[in-house]
Amino acid sequence: MTKPPAPKRHLPTSPFAAPVTPTPKHFAVGDQVTHDMYGLGRVIGVEDGIAAFVDFGSAQMRILSPYSKMTKL
Protein backbone atom coordinates (compact mmCIF):
# COMPACT_ATOMS: atom_id res chain seq x y z
CA MET A 1 0.00 0.00 0.00
CA THR A 2 1.41 3.41 -0.91
CA LYS A 3 0.74 6.77 0.66
CA PRO A 4 -0.57 9.68 -1.40
CA PRO A 5 2.01 12.40 -2.05
CA ALA A 6 2.23 15.17 0.52
CA PRO A 7 0.79 18.53 -0.55
CA LYS A 8 3.40 21.05 -1.65
CA ARG A 9 4.00 24.05 0.59
CA HIS A 10 3.70 27.57 -0.72
CA LEU A 11 6.78 29.62 0.09
CA PRO A 12 6.14 33.27 1.03
CA THR A 13 8.96 34.38 -1.29
CA SER A 14 7.46 32.59 -4.30
CA PRO A 15 6.47 34.79 -7.26
CA PHE A 16 3.47 32.53 -7.91
CA ALA A 17 0.10 32.98 -6.25
CA ALA A 18 -0.77 30.68 -3.37
CA PRO A 19 -3.29 27.96 -4.20
CA VAL A 20 -6.84 28.77 -3.18
CA THR A 21 -8.30 26.45 -0.55
CA PRO A 22 -11.88 25.47 -1.34
CA THR A 23 -14.53 26.61 1.09
CA PRO A 24 -16.15 23.79 3.06
CA LYS A 25 -19.62 22.77 1.96
CA HIS A 26 -22.53 23.18 4.35
CA PHE A 27 -25.62 21.00 4.20
CA ALA A 28 -28.95 21.50 5.95
CA VAL A 29 -31.59 18.95 6.93
CA GLY A 30 -33.85 18.30 3.95
CA ASP A 31 -31.28 19.11 1.25
CA GLN A 32 -31.22 16.77 -1.75
CA VAL A 33 -27.72 15.53 -2.53
CA THR A 34 -25.95 13.20 -4.88
CA HIS A 35 -22.96 11.07 -3.91
CA ASP A 36 -20.45 9.51 -6.32
CA MET A 37 -20.80 6.09 -4.71
CA TYR A 38 -24.30 5.95 -3.17
CA GLY A 39 -26.34 8.05 -5.64
CA LEU A 40 -29.28 10.32 -4.81
CA GLY A 41 -30.22 11.00 -1.21
CA ARG A 42 -31.68 13.45 1.31
CA VAL A 43 -29.88 14.90 4.34
CA ILE A 44 -31.62 13.76 7.54
CA GLY A 45 -29.13 15.10 10.09
CA VAL A 46 -26.05 17.30 10.39
CA GLU A 47 -23.15 17.39 12.85
CA ASP A 48 -21.70 20.90 12.47
CA GLY A 49 -18.53 20.67 10.39
CA ILE A 50 -18.05 16.98 11.13
CA ALA A 51 -20.54 14.83 9.23
CA ALA A 52 -23.90 14.66 7.51
CA PHE A 53 -26.40 11.81 7.87
CA VAL A 54 -27.93 11.01 4.48
CA ASP A 55 -30.82 8.70 3.59
CA PHE A 56 -30.11 7.07 0.22
CA GLY A 57 -33.30 4.98 0.21
CA SER A 58 -31.65 1.59 0.60
CA ALA A 59 -29.27 2.73 3.36
CA GLN A 60 -28.59 5.61 5.74
CA MET A 61 -24.96 6.70 5.73
CA ARG A 62 -22.82 9.08 7.78
CA ILE A 63 -20.73 11.06 5.30
CA LEU A 64 -17.70 12.76 6.85
CA SER A 65 -16.48 16.27 6.04
CA PRO A 66 -15.03 17.61 3.62
CA TYR A 67 -17.73 15.94 1.49
CA SER A 68 -15.47 15.61 -1.55
CA LYS A 69 -17.76 13.06 -3.26
CA MET A 70 -21.08 14.69 -2.34
CA THR A 71 -22.77 17.64 -4.02
CA LYS A 72 -25.95 19.54 -3.29
CA LEU A 73 -28.70 19.49 -5.94
PDB file of N, CA and C in Angstrom:
ATOM      1  N   MET A   1       0.851  -1.167   0.000  1.00  0.00           N
ATOM      2  CA  MET A   1       0.000   0.000   0.000  1.00  0.00           C
ATOM      3  C   MET A   1       0.902   1.237   0.000  1.00  0.00           C
ATOM      4  N   THR A   2       0.595   2.204  -0.832  1.00  0.00           N
ATOM      5  CA  THR A   2       1.408   3.410  -0.915  1.00  0.00           C
ATOM      6  C   THR A   2       0.628   4.597  -0.375  1.00  0.00           C
ATOM      7  N   LYS A   3       1.355   5.555   0.130  1.00  0.00           N
ATOM      8  CA  LYS A   3       0.743   6.770   0.659  1.00  0.00           C
ATOM      9  C   LYS A   3       0.579   7.780  -0.472  1.00  0.00           C
ATOM     10  N   PRO A   4      -0.457   8.613  -0.393  1.00  0.00           N
ATOM     11  CA  PRO A   4      -0.574   9.678  -1.398  1.00  0.00           C
ATOM     12  C   PRO A   4       0.526  10.713  -1.170  1.00  0.00           C
ATOM     13  N   PRO A   5       0.939  11.419  -2.219  1.00  0.00           N
ATOM     14  CA  PRO A   5       2.007  12.398  -2.050  1.00  0.00           C
ATOM     15  C   PRO A   5       1.561  13.536  -1.133  1.00  0.00           C
ATOM     16  N   ALA A   6       2.520  14.054  -0.383  1.00  0.00           N
ATOM     17  CA  ALA A   6       2.227  15.167   0.524  1.00  0.00           C
ATOM     18  C   ALA A   6       1.964  16.438  -0.287  1.00  0.00           C
ATOM     19  N   PRO A   7       1.046  17.287   0.184  1.00  0.00           N
ATOM     20  CA  PRO A   7       0.786  18.530  -0.553  1.00  0.00           C
ATOM     21  C   PRO A   7       2.014  19.441  -0.498  1.00  0.00           C
ATOM     22  N   LYS A   8       2.238  20.170  -1.578  1.00  0.00           N
ATOM     23  CA  LYS A   8       3.397  21.053  -1.650  1.00  0.00           C
ATOM     24  C   LYS A   8       3.121  22.342  -0.890  1.00  0.00           C
ATOM     25  N   ARG A   9       4.120  22.805  -0.162  1.00  0.00           N
ATOM     26  CA  ARG A   9       3.999  24.049   0.593  1.00  0.00           C
ATOM     27  C   ARG A   9       4.172  25.236  -0.332  1.00  0.00           C
ATOM     28  N   HIS A  10       3.519  26.327   0.013  1.00  0.00           N
ATOM     29  CA  HIS A  10       3.697  27.571  -0.719  1.00  0.00           C
ATOM     30  C   HIS A  10       4.694  28.420   0.063  1.00  0.00           C
ATOM     31  N   LEU A  11       5.786  28.788  -0.570  1.00  0.00           N
ATOM     32  CA  LEU A  11       6.778  29.623   0.093  1.00  0.00           C
ATOM     33  C   LEU A  11       6.383  31.094  -0.018  1.00  0.00           C
ATOM     34  N   PRO A  12       6.537  31.859   1.078  1.00  0.00           N
ATOM     35  CA  PRO A  12       6.145  33.268   1.032  1.00  0.00           C
ATOM     36  C   PRO A  12       6.939  34.086   0.017  1.00  0.00           C
ATOM     37  N   THR A  13       8.130  33.639  -0.339  1.00  0.00           N
ATOM     38  CA  THR A  13       8.962  34.377  -1.292  1.00  0.00           C
ATOM     39  C   THR A  13       8.699  33.979  -2.743  1.00  0.00           C
ATOM     40  N   SER A  14       7.750  33.061  -2.961  1.00  0.00           N
ATOM     41  CA  SER A  14       7.457  32.586  -4.303  1.00  0.00           C
ATOM     42  C   SER A  14       6.772  33.674  -5.126  1.00  0.00           C
ATOM     43  N   PRO A  15       7.130  33.808  -6.408  1.00  0.00           N
ATOM     44  CA  PRO A  15       6.466  34.794  -7.260  1.00  0.00           C
ATOM     45  C   PRO A  15       5.083  34.329  -7.732  1.00  0.00           C
ATOM     46  N   PHE A  16       4.748  33.078  -7.476  1.00  0.00           N
ATOM     47  CA  PHE A  16       3.467  32.533  -7.911  1.00  0.00           C
ATOM     48  C   PHE A  16       2.426  32.694  -6.813  1.00  0.00           C
ATOM     49  N   ALA A  17       1.183  32.811  -7.218  1.00  0.00           N
ATOM     50  CA  ALA A  17       0.101  32.976  -6.247  1.00  0.00           C
ATOM     51  C   ALA A  17      -0.109  31.685  -5.461  1.00  0.00           C
ATOM     52  N   ALA A  18      -0.495  31.835  -4.209  1.00  0.00           N
ATOM     53  CA  ALA A  18      -0.768  30.677  -3.365  1.00  0.00           C
ATOM     54  C   ALA A  18      -2.037  29.983  -3.856  1.00  0.00           C
ATOM     55  N   PRO A  19      -2.084  28.655  -3.765  1.00  0.00           N
ATOM     56  CA  PRO A  19      -3.292  27.957  -4.199  1.00  0.00           C
ATOM     57  C   PRO A  19      -4.476  28.321  -3.298  1.00  0.00           C
ATOM     58  N   VAL A  20      -5.630  28.410  -3.906  1.00  0.00           N
ATOM     59  CA  VAL A  20      -6.836  28.774  -3.175  1.00  0.00           C
ATOM     60  C   VAL A  20      -7.411  27.524  -2.528  1.00  0.00           C
ATOM     61  N   THR A  21      -7.690  27.587  -1.226  1.00  0.00           N
ATOM     62  CA  THR A  21      -8.296  26.450  -0.550  1.00  0.00           C
ATOM     63  C   THR A  21      -9.807  26.530  -0.727  1.00  0.00           C
ATOM     64  N   PRO A  22     -10.435  25.434  -1.127  1.00  0.00           N
ATOM     65  CA  PRO A  22     -11.882  25.467  -1.342  1.00  0.00           C
ATOM     66  C   PRO A  22     -12.628  25.672  -0.024  1.00  0.00           C
ATOM     67  N   THR A  23     -13.741  26.389  -0.100  1.00  0.00           N
ATOM     68  CA  THR A  23     -14.534  26.608   1.092  1.00  0.00           C
ATOM     69  C   THR A  23     -15.290  25.334   1.425  1.00  0.00           C
ATOM     70  N   PRO A  24     -15.430  25.010   2.708  1.00  0.00           N
ATOM     71  CA  PRO A  24     -16.148  23.787   3.060  1.00  0.00           C
ATOM     72  C   PRO A  24     -17.628  23.898   2.713  1.00  0.00           C
ATOM     73  N   LYS A  25     -18.214  22.788   2.328  1.00  0.00           N
ATOM     74  CA  LYS A  25     -19.621  22.765   1.955  1.00  0.00           C
ATOM     75  C   LYS A  25     -20.468  22.619   3.214  1.00  0.00           C
ATOM     76  N   HIS A  26     -21.614  23.273   3.224  1.00  0.00           N
ATOM     77  CA  HIS A  26     -22.529  23.181   4.345  1.00  0.00           C
ATOM     78  C   HIS A  26     -23.843  22.609   3.849  1.00  0.00           C
ATOM     79  N   PHE A  27     -24.353  21.623   4.558  1.00  0.00           N
ATOM     80  CA  PHE A  27     -25.620  20.999   4.201  1.00  0.00           C
ATOM     81  C   PHE A  27     -26.615  21.213   5.327  1.00  0.00           C
ATOM     82  N   ALA A  28     -27.885  21.325   4.971  1.00  0.00           N
ATOM     83  CA  ALA A  28     -28.953  21.498   5.946  1.00  0.00           C
ATOM     84  C   ALA A  28     -29.895  20.299   5.846  1.00  0.00           C
ATOM     85  N   VAL A  29     -30.625  20.050   6.916  1.00  0.00           N
ATOM     86  CA  VAL A  29     -31.593  18.950   6.928  1.00  0.00           C
ATOM     87  C   VAL A  29     -32.636  19.202   5.842  1.00  0.00           C
ATOM     88  N   GLY A  30     -32.879  18.192   5.038  1.00  0.00           N
ATOM     89  CA  GLY A  30     -33.848  18.295   3.950  1.00  0.00           C
ATOM     90  C   GLY A  30     -33.222  18.545   2.590  1.00  0.00           C
ATOM     91  N   ASP A  31     -31.940  18.874   2.530  1.00  0.00           N
ATOM     92  CA  ASP A  31     -31.278  19.112   1.246  1.00  0.00           C
ATOM     93  C   ASP A  31     -31.192  17.812   0.448  1.00  0.00           C
ATOM     94  N   GLN A  32     -31.433  17.905  -0.859  1.00  0.00           N
ATOM     95  CA  GLN A  32     -31.224  16.770  -1.745  1.00  0.00           C
ATOM     96  C   GLN A  32     -29.778  16.796  -2.203  1.00  0.00           C
ATOM     97  N   VAL A  33     -29.130  15.633  -2.171  1.00  0.00           N
ATOM     98  CA  VAL A  33     -27.720  15.531  -2.526  1.00  0.00           C
ATOM     99  C   VAL A  33     -27.515  14.348  -3.452  1.00  0.00           C
ATOM    100  N   THR A  34     -26.376  14.353  -4.108  1.00  0.00           N
ATOM    101  CA  THR A  34     -25.946  13.202  -4.884  1.00  0.00           C
ATOM    102  C   THR A  34     -24.529  12.851  -4.441  1.00  0.00           C
ATOM    103  N   HIS A  35     -24.264  11.555  -4.352  1.00  0.00           N
ATOM    104  CA  HIS A  35     -22.963  11.065  -3.914  1.00  0.00           C
ATOM    105  C   HIS A  35     -22.401  10.185  -5.018  1.00  0.00           C
ATOM    106  N   ASP A  36     -21.087  10.271  -5.241  1.00  0.00           N
ATOM    107  CA  ASP A  36     -20.454   9.514  -6.324  1.00  0.00           C
ATOM    108  C   ASP A  36     -20.637   8.007  -6.171  1.00  0.00           C
ATOM    109  N   MET A  37     -20.712   7.526  -4.939  1.00  0.00           N
ATOM    110  CA  MET A  37     -20.795   6.093  -4.712  1.00  0.00           C
ATOM    111  C   MET A  37     -22.224   5.622  -4.412  1.00  0.00           C
ATOM    112  N   TYR A  38     -22.988   6.395  -3.650  1.00  0.00           N
ATOM    113  CA  TYR A  38     -24.299   5.953  -3.172  1.00  0.00           C
ATOM    114  C   TYR A  38     -25.474   6.485  -3.991  1.00  0.00           C
ATOM    115  N   GLY A  39     -25.280   7.518  -4.789  1.00  0.00           N
ATOM    116  CA  GLY A  39     -26.340   8.046  -5.639  1.00  0.00           C
ATOM    117  C   GLY A  39     -27.121   9.173  -4.983  1.00  0.00           C
ATOM    118  N   LEU A  40     -28.430   9.240  -5.301  1.00  0.00           N
ATOM    119  CA  LEU A  40     -29.281  10.319  -4.807  1.00  0.00           C
ATOM    120  C   LEU A  40     -29.703  10.058  -3.368  1.00  0.00           C
ATOM    121  N   GLY A  41     -29.801  11.143  -2.589  1.00  0.00           N
ATOM    122  CA  GLY A  41     -30.224  11.001  -1.206  1.00  0.00           C
ATOM    123  C   GLY A  41     -30.717  12.314  -0.651  1.00  0.00           C
ATOM    124  N   ARG A  42     -31.176  12.260   0.607  1.00  0.00           N
ATOM    125  CA  ARG A  42     -31.677  13.451   1.309  1.00  0.00           C
ATOM    126  C   ARG A  42     -31.011  13.511   2.679  1.00  0.00           C
ATOM    127  N   VAL A  43     -30.544  14.702   3.050  1.00  0.00           N
ATOM    128  CA  VAL A  43     -29.880  14.899   4.336  1.00  0.00           C
ATOM    129  C   VAL A  43     -30.933  14.797   5.438  1.00  0.00           C
ATOM    130  N   ILE A  44     -30.679  13.932   6.438  1.00  0.00           N
ATOM    131  CA  ILE A  44     -31.616  13.758   7.543  1.00  0.00           C
ATOM    132  C   ILE A  44     -31.040  14.251   8.864  1.00  0.00           C
ATOM    133  N   GLY A  45     -29.753  14.583   8.879  1.00  0.00           N
ATOM    134  CA  GLY A  45     -29.127  15.095  10.092  1.00  0.00           C
ATOM    135  C   GLY A  45     -27.767  15.682   9.778  1.00  0.00           C
ATOM    136  N   VAL A  46     -27.335  16.633  10.615  1.00  0.00           N
ATOM    137  CA  VAL A  46     -26.052  17.298  10.393  1.00  0.00           C
ATOM    138  C   VAL A  46     -25.328  17.449  11.721  1.00  0.00           C
ATOM    139  N   GLU A  47     -24.040  17.078  11.744  1.00  0.00           N
ATOM    140  CA  GLU A  47     -23.146  17.395  12.846  1.00  0.00           C
ATOM    141  C   GLU A  47     -22.279  18.534  12.341  1.00  0.00           C
ATOM    142  N   ASP A  48     -22.349  19.694  12.966  1.00  0.00           N
ATOM    143  CA  ASP A  48     -21.697  20.905  12.470  1.00  0.00           C
ATOM    144  C   ASP A  48     -20.224  20.692  12.141  1.00  0.00           C
ATOM    145  N   GLY A  49     -19.904  20.758  10.846  1.00  0.00           N
ATOM    146  CA  GLY A  49     -18.529  20.675  10.385  1.00  0.00           C
ATOM    147  C   GLY A  49     -17.889  19.309  10.487  1.00  0.00           C
ATOM    148  N   ILE A  50     -18.635  18.302  10.935  1.00  0.00           N
ATOM    149  CA  ILE A  50     -18.049  16.979  11.134  1.00  0.00           C
ATOM    150  C   ILE A  50     -18.592  15.967  10.139  1.00  0.00           C
ATOM    151  N   ALA A  51     -19.924  15.850  10.077  1.00  0.00           N
ATOM    152  CA  ALA A  51     -20.536  14.826   9.234  1.00  0.00           C
ATOM    153  C   ALA A  51     -21.973  15.199   8.897  1.00  0.00           C
ATOM    154  N   ALA A  52     -22.498  14.519   7.890  1.00  0.00           N
ATOM    155  CA  ALA A  52     -23.905  14.658   7.513  1.00  0.00           C
ATOM    156  C   ALA A  52     -24.500  13.255   7.422  1.00  0.00           C
ATOM    157  N   PHE A  53     -25.689  13.074   7.970  1.00  0.00           N
ATOM    158  CA  PHE A  53     -26.402  11.813   7.870  1.00  0.00           C
ATOM    159  C   PHE A  53     -27.328  11.902   6.666  1.00  0.00           C
ATOM    160  N   VAL A  54     -27.183  10.953   5.741  1.00  0.00           N
ATOM    161  CA  VAL A  54     -27.926  11.006   4.481  1.00  0.00           C
ATOM    162  C   VAL A  54     -28.692   9.710   4.291  1.00  0.00           C
ATOM    163  N   ASP A  55     -29.972   9.840   3.912  1.00  0.00           N
ATOM    164  CA  ASP A  55     -30.817   8.697   3.595  1.00  0.00           C
ATOM    165  C   ASP A  55     -30.784   8.493   2.087  1.00  0.00           C
ATOM    166  N   PHE A  56     -30.218   7.368   1.639  1.00  0.00           N
ATOM    167  CA  PHE A  56     -30.114   7.070   0.218  1.00  0.00           C
ATOM    168  C   PHE A  56     -31.198   6.100  -0.241  1.00  0.00           C
ATOM    169  N   GLY A  57     -32.219   5.899   0.578  1.00  0.00           N
ATOM    170  CA  GLY A  57     -33.297   4.981   0.211  1.00  0.00           C
ATOM    171  C   GLY A  57     -33.021   3.582   0.701  1.00  0.00           C
ATOM    172  N   SER A  58     -31.985   2.947   0.194  1.00  0.00           N
ATOM    173  CA  SER A  58     -31.648   1.587   0.600  1.00  0.00           C
ATOM    174  C   SER A  58     -30.789   1.562   1.862  1.00  0.00           C
ATOM    175  N   ALA A  59     -30.147   2.671   2.188  1.00  0.00           N
ATOM    176  CA  ALA A  59     -29.275   2.731   3.365  1.00  0.00           C
ATOM    177  C   ALA A  59     -29.152   4.168   3.858  1.00  0.00           C
ATOM    178  N   GLN A  60     -28.877   4.298   5.154  1.00  0.00           N
ATOM    179  CA  GLN A  60     -28.594   5.608   5.735  1.00  0.00           C
ATOM    180  C   GLN A  60     -27.108   5.627   6.072  1.00  0.00           C
ATOM    181  N   MET A  61     -26.412   6.643   5.563  1.00  0.00           N
ATOM    182  CA  MET A  61     -24.961   6.701   5.726  1.00  0.00           C
ATOM    183  C   MET A  61     -24.554   7.984   6.440  1.00  0.00           C
ATOM    184  N   ARG A  62     -23.437   7.907   7.146  1.00  0.00           N
ATOM    185  CA  ARG A  62     -22.822   9.077   7.780  1.00  0.00           C
ATOM    186  C   ARG A  62     -21.641   9.471   6.901  1.00  0.00           C
ATOM    187  N   ILE A  63     -21.764  10.592   6.218  1.00  0.00           N
ATOM    188  CA  ILE A  63     -20.728  11.063   5.299  1.00  0.00           C
ATOM    189  C   ILE A  63     -19.889  12.111   6.035  1.00  0.00           C
ATOM    190  N   LEU A  64     -18.594  11.873   6.118  1.00  0.00           N
ATOM    191  CA  LEU A  64     -17.701  12.765   6.850  1.00  0.00           C
ATOM    192  C   LEU A  64     -17.269  13.954   6.013  1.00  0.00           C
ATOM    193  N   SER A  65     -16.995  15.065   6.683  1.00  0.00           N
ATOM    194  CA  SER A  65     -16.485  16.269   6.037  1.00  0.00           C
ATOM    195  C   SER A  65     -15.101  15.966   5.504  1.00  0.00           C
ATOM    196  N   PRO A  66     -14.677  16.452   4.406  1.00  0.00           N
ATOM    197  CA  PRO A  66     -15.027  17.615   3.617  1.00  0.00           C
ATOM    198  C   PRO A  66     -15.990  17.345   2.482  1.00  0.00           C
ATOM    199  N   TYR A  67     -16.685  16.232   2.470  1.00  0.00           N
ATOM    200  CA  TYR A  67     -17.731  15.942   1.491  1.00  0.00           C
ATOM    201  C   TYR A  67     -17.232  16.025   0.048  1.00  0.00           C
ATOM    202  N   SER A  68     -16.066  15.489  -0.217  1.00  0.00           N
ATOM    203  CA  SER A  68     -15.474  15.610  -1.552  1.00  0.00           C
ATOM    204  C   SER A  68     -16.275  14.871  -2.624  1.00  0.00           C
ATOM    205  N   LYS A  69     -17.012  13.828  -2.263  1.00  0.00           N
ATOM    206  CA  LYS A  69     -17.758  13.057  -3.257  1.00  0.00           C
ATOM    207  C   LYS A  69     -19.242  13.378  -3.252  1.00  0.00           C
ATOM    208  N   MET A  70     -19.674  14.374  -2.450  1.00  0.00           N
ATOM    209  CA  MET A  70     -21.085  14.686  -2.336  1.00  0.00           C
ATOM    210  C   MET A  70     -21.346  16.114  -2.761  1.00  0.00           C
ATOM    211  N   THR A  71     -22.397  16.305  -3.577  1.00  0.00           N
ATOM    212  CA  THR A  71     -22.769  17.642  -4.016  1.00  0.00           C
ATOM    213  C   THR A  71     -24.244  17.878  -3.762  1.00  0.00           C
ATOM    214  N   LYS A  72     -24.582  19.143  -3.559  1.00  0.00           N
ATOM    215  CA  LYS A  72     -25.953  19.539  -3.295  1.00  0.00           C
ATOM    216  C   LYS A  72     -26.674  19.755  -4.625  1.00  0.00           C
ATOM    217  N   LEU A  73     -27.918  19.313  -4.712  1.00  0.00           N
ATOM    218  CA  LEU A  73     -28.698  19.486  -5.935  1.00  0.00           C
ATOM    219  C   LEU A  73     -29.562  20.726  -5.854  1.00  0.00           C
TER     220      LEU A  73
END
